[in-house]
Protein backbone atom coordinates (compact mmCIF):
# COMPACT_ATOMS: atom_id res chain seq x y z
CA UNK A 1 45.54 76.70 -47.34
CA UNK A 2 44.69 80.11 -48.60
CA UNK A 3 42.87 82.85 -46.76
CA UNK A 4 39.96 84.70 -48.32
CA UNK A 5 40.27 88.33 -49.28
CA UNK A 6 36.55 88.94 -48.72
CA UNK A 7 33.39 87.17 -47.69
CA UNK A 8 31.34 85.63 -50.48
CA UNK A 9 27.63 84.90 -50.43
CA UNK A 10 28.10 81.11 -50.53
CA UNK A 11 30.62 81.19 -47.68
CA UNK A 12 28.26 83.32 -45.60
CA UNK A 13 25.35 80.98 -46.37
CA UNK A 14 27.31 77.82 -45.56
CA UNK A 15 28.76 79.34 -42.38
CA UNK A 16 25.35 80.49 -41.17
CA UNK A 17 23.81 77.10 -41.95
CA UNK A 18 26.54 75.20 -40.11
CA UNK A 19 26.18 77.45 -37.09
CA UNK A 20 22.37 77.19 -37.14
CA UNK A 21 22.46 73.39 -37.31
CA UNK A 22 25.19 73.17 -34.66
CA UNK A 23 23.28 75.36 -32.22
CA UNK A 24 19.96 73.64 -32.97
CA UNK A 25 21.56 70.33 -32.06
CA UNK A 26 23.25 71.76 -28.98
CA UNK A 27 26.77 70.99 -30.19
CA UNK A 28 29.74 73.19 -29.33
CA UNK A 29 32.32 74.18 -31.92
CA UNK A 30 34.81 72.02 -30.07
CA UNK A 31 32.55 68.97 -30.15
CA UNK A 32 31.71 69.51 -33.82
CA UNK A 33 35.40 69.73 -34.63
CA UNK A 34 35.99 66.43 -32.83
CA UNK A 35 33.11 64.73 -34.65
CA UNK A 36 34.16 66.09 -38.04
CA UNK A 37 37.91 65.62 -37.57
CA UNK A 38 38.80 69.26 -38.21
CA UNK A 39 40.34 71.92 -35.96
CA UNK A 40 38.02 73.95 -33.72
CA UNK A 41 39.33 77.25 -35.02
CA UNK A 42 38.52 76.10 -38.56
CA UNK A 43 34.86 75.63 -37.54
CA UNK A 44 34.78 79.19 -36.17
CA UNK A 45 36.39 80.60 -39.28
CA UNK A 46 33.90 78.76 -41.50
CA UNK A 47 30.96 80.00 -39.42
CA UNK A 48 32.24 83.58 -39.74
CA UNK A 49 32.88 83.10 -43.49
CA UNK A 50 36.56 83.88 -42.99
CA UNK A 51 37.75 80.73 -44.81
CA UNK A 52 36.81 78.89 -47.95
CA UNK A 53 35.54 75.47 -46.97
CA UNK A 54 36.76 72.48 -48.93
CA UNK A 55 34.28 69.95 -50.28
CA UNK A 56 35.83 67.24 -48.10
CA UNK A 57 35.48 69.39 -44.97
CA UNK A 58 31.92 70.29 -45.91
CA UNK A 59 31.12 66.58 -46.18
CA UNK A 60 32.80 65.82 -42.83
CA UNK A 61 30.84 68.60 -41.11
CA UNK A 62 27.56 67.58 -42.75
CA UNK A 63 28.09 63.98 -41.61
CA UNK A 64 28.99 65.13 -38.10
CA UNK A 65 25.76 67.16 -37.97
CA UNK A 66 23.82 64.26 -39.49
CA UNK A 67 22.51 66.46 -42.30
CA UNK A 68 22.61 66.15 -46.06
CA UNK A 69 25.35 68.29 -47.57
CA UNK A 70 22.73 70.07 -49.70
CA UNK A 71 21.09 71.32 -46.50
CA UNK A 72 24.18 73.39 -45.78
CA UNK A 73 24.23 75.00 -49.22
CA UNK A 74 20.71 76.47 -49.28
């Protein structure tokens, strides 16, 4: 897995949308990580736009939040 050199607009958008949905649904990062099958620190890094999210992880997180994947990209 590679680390980003800088934050990109899409990573910021996706991270903000994941965080917004997670907080709206009252789900902790830890619980979201359990539901999505990814590490808790990965959720935090995605929300802060510190990591590129893979399509498979985006789908897992969208499913865990019960939201269409497109809702996280807008």
